[in-house]
C-alpha atoms as a PDB file:
ATOM      1  CA  MET A   1      -1.057  65.306-183.744  1.00  0.00           C
ATOM      2  CA  LEU A   2       0.833  61.911-184.101  1.00  0.00           C
ATOM      3  CA  HIS A   3       0.681  59.495-181.612  1.00  0.00           C
ATOM      4  CA  HIS A   4       2.992  56.801-181.599  1.00  0.00           C
ATOM      5  CA  LYS A   5       2.053  53.367-179.297  1.00  0.00           C
ATOM      6  CA  ILE A   6       4.640  52.701-177.032  1.00  0.00           C
ATOM      7  CA  PRO A   7       5.675  48.916-176.815  1.00  0.00           C
ATOM      8  CA  THR A   8       4.864  47.450-173.270  1.00  0.00           C
ATOM      9  CA  ALA A   9       6.716  44.521-174.203  1.00  0.00           C
ATOM     10  CA  TYR A  10       9.524  43.657-177.061  1.00  0.00           C
ATOM     11  CA  VAL A  11      10.002  40.419-179.075  1.00  0.00           C
ATOM     12  CA  SER A  12      13.659  39.004-179.344  1.00  0.00           C
ATOM     13  CA  ALA A  13      14.459  40.575-182.034  1.00  0.00           C
ATOM     14  CA  ASP A  14      13.943  44.214-181.069  1.00  0.00           C
ATOM     15  CA  TRP A  15      16.005  43.657-178.271  1.00  0.00           C
ATOM     16  CA  ALA A  16      18.545  42.525-180.913  1.00  0.00           C
ATOM     17  CA  PHE A  17      18.064  45.386-183.117  1.00  0.00           C
ATOM     18  CA  MET A  18      18.325  47.751-180.105  1.00  0.00           C
ATOM     19  CA  GLU A  19      21.477  46.311-178.676  1.00  0.00           C
ATOM     20  CA  ARG A  20      23.560  46.382-182.062  1.00  0.00           C
ATOM     21  CA  ALA A  21      22.048  50.319-182.422  1.00  0.00           C
ATOM     22  CA  HIS A  22      23.879  50.510-178.898  1.00  0.00           C
ATOM     23  CA  ALA A  23      26.872  49.041-179.337  1.00  0.00           C
ATOM     24  CA  ARG A  24      27.271  51.143-182.473  1.00  0.00           C
ATOM     25  CA  ALA A  25      26.426  54.456-180.416  1.00  0.00           C
ATOM     26  CA  SER A  26      29.002  53.468-177.885  1.00  0.00           C
ATOM     27  CA  GLN A  27      31.367  52.869-180.589  1.00  0.00           C
ATOM     28  CA  ILE A  28      30.707  56.448-182.175  1.00  0.00           C
ATOM     29  CA  LEU A  29      31.490  57.473-178.721  1.00  0.00           C
ATOM     30  CA  ASN A  30      34.682  55.570-178.035  1.00  0.00           C
ATOM     31  CA  ARG A  31      32.859  54.055-174.710  1.00  0.00           C
ATOM     32  CA  ASP A  32      32.367  50.504-173.317  1.00  0.00           C
ATOM     33  CA  PRO A  33      28.795  49.619-173.667  1.00  0.00           C
ATOM     34  CA  MET A  34      28.471  47.586-170.737  1.00  0.00           C
ATOM     35  CA  THR A  35      31.177  49.449-167.880  1.00  0.00           C
ATOM     36  CA  ASP A  36      30.498  53.166-169.166  1.00  0.00           C
ATOM     37  CA  GLU A  37      29.051  55.171-166.646  1.00  0.00           C
ATOM     38  CA  HIS A  38      26.476  56.562-169.037  1.00  0.00           C
ATOM     39  CA  ALA A  39      25.620  53.049-170.847  1.00  0.00           C
ATOM     40  CA  ASP A  40      22.016  52.990-169.557  1.00  0.00           C
ATOM     41  CA  GLN A  41      21.154  56.561-170.238  1.00  0.00           C
ATOM     42  CA  LEU A  42      22.453  56.046-174.055  1.00  0.00           C
ATOM     43  CA  ALA A  43      20.186  52.605-173.860  1.00  0.00           C
ATOM     44  CA  ARG A  44      17.368  54.710-172.665  1.00  0.00           C
ATOM     45  CA  ARG A  45      18.315  56.899-175.837  1.00  0.00           C
ATOM     46  CA  VAL A  46      18.223  53.882-178.205  1.00  0.00           C
ATOM     47  CA  MET A  47      15.111  52.735-176.977  1.00  0.00           C
ATOM     48  CA  GLY A  48      13.220  55.763-177.160  1.00  0.00           C
ATOM     49  CA  LEU A  49      14.232  56.524-180.691  1.00  0.00           C
ATOM     50  CA  PHE A  50      13.126  52.693-181.476  1.00  0.00           C
ATOM     51  CA  ASP A  51       9.589  53.373-179.798  1.00  0.00           C
ATOM     52  CA  HIS A  52       9.210  56.333-181.834  1.00  0.00           C
ATOM     53  CA  GLY A  53       9.404  54.281-184.686  1.00  0.00           C
ATOM     54  CA  MET A  54      12.968  54.517-186.326  1.00  0.00           C
ATOM     55  CA  ARG A  55      14.154  51.030-187.503  1.00  0.00           C
ATOM     56  CA  ASP A  56      17.431  52.173-188.982  1.00  0.00           C
ATOM     57  CA  GLU A  57      20.395  50.964-186.723  1.00  0.00           C
ATOM     58  CA  GLU A  58      22.970  53.296-187.926  1.00  0.00           C
ATOM     59  CA  VAL A  59      20.653  56.523-187.933  1.00  0.00           C
ATOM     60  CA  ILE A  60      19.623  55.584-184.088  1.00  0.00           C
ATOM     61  CA  ALA A  61      23.002  54.867-183.460  1.00  0.00           C
ATOM     62  CA  ARG A  62      24.763  58.445-184.253  1.00  0.00           C
ATOM     63  CA  ILE A  63      21.247  60.007-183.261  1.00  0.00           C
ATOM     64  CA  ALA A  64      21.748  58.614-179.766  1.00  0.00           C
ATOM     65  CA  ALA A  65      25.339  59.286-179.860  1.00  0.00           C
ATOM     66  CA  ALA A  66      25.123  63.016-180.927  1.00  0.00           C
ATOM     67  CA  GLN A  67      22.582  63.780-178.070  1.00  0.00           C
ATOM     68  CA  GLU A  68      24.819  61.816-175.832  1.00  0.00           C
ATOM     69  CA  ALA A  69      27.789  63.836-176.385  1.00  0.00           C
ATOM     70  CA  GLY A  70      25.608  67.343-176.552  1.00  0.00           C
ATOM     71  CA  ILE A  71      24.453  66.459-173.162  1.00  0.00           C
ATOM     72  CA  THR A  72      27.881  65.009-172.002  1.00  0.00           C
ATOM     73  CA  SER A  73      29.569  67.984-173.203  1.00  0.00           C
ATOM     74  CA  ALA A  74      27.046  70.567-171.578  1.00  0.00           C
ATOM     75  CA  ALA A  75      27.269  68.869-168.568  1.00  0.00           C
ATOM     76  CA  TYR A  76      31.068  69.264-168.214  1.00  0.00           C
ATOM     77  CA  GLU A  77      31.008  72.787-169.396  1.00  0.00           C
ATOM     78  CA  ARG A  78      28.764  73.574-166.294  1.00  0.00           C
ATOM     79  CA  TYR A  79      30.970  71.349-164.569  1.00  0.00           C
ATOM     80  CA  THR A  80      33.959  73.740-165.092  1.00  0.00           C
ATOM     81  CA  LYS A  81      32.376  76.867-165.362  1.00  0.00           C
ATOM     82  CA  SER A  82      31.060  76.246-161.343  1.00  0.00           C
ATOM     83  CA  LYS A  83      34.715  75.244-160.524  1.00  0.00           C
ATOM     84  CA  SER A  84      36.435  78.496-161.941  1.00  0.00           C
ATOM     85  CA  SER A  85      33.533  80.192-160.081  1.00  0.00           C
ATOM     86  CA  ASP A  86      34.594  78.506-157.213  1.00  0.00           C
ATOM     87  CA  ALA A  87      38.211  79.482-157.548  1.00  0.00           C
ATOM     88  CA  ASP A  88      37.262  83.532-157.801  1.00  0.00           C
ATOM     89  CA  VAL A  89      35.682  83.252-154.414  1.00  0.00           C
END
């Protein structure tokens, strides 16, 4: 089993790297990286991928955006199904 050491502190270059990846992921999702309601969640995804050793900004951005899009889509589907169920009652 592989064990990755999760950093307890990041150097400024790490923060800059993750910030660029987060901005790119936000761009892919057509979201504002600062004001979108899910910006923090997307940032945590970027940080998690970085913590697991990924060091390609574009790959991190695309994976984080795909994960986020899947979760947002699934949540929307659950919401619309629950609303249609409520209407049937």
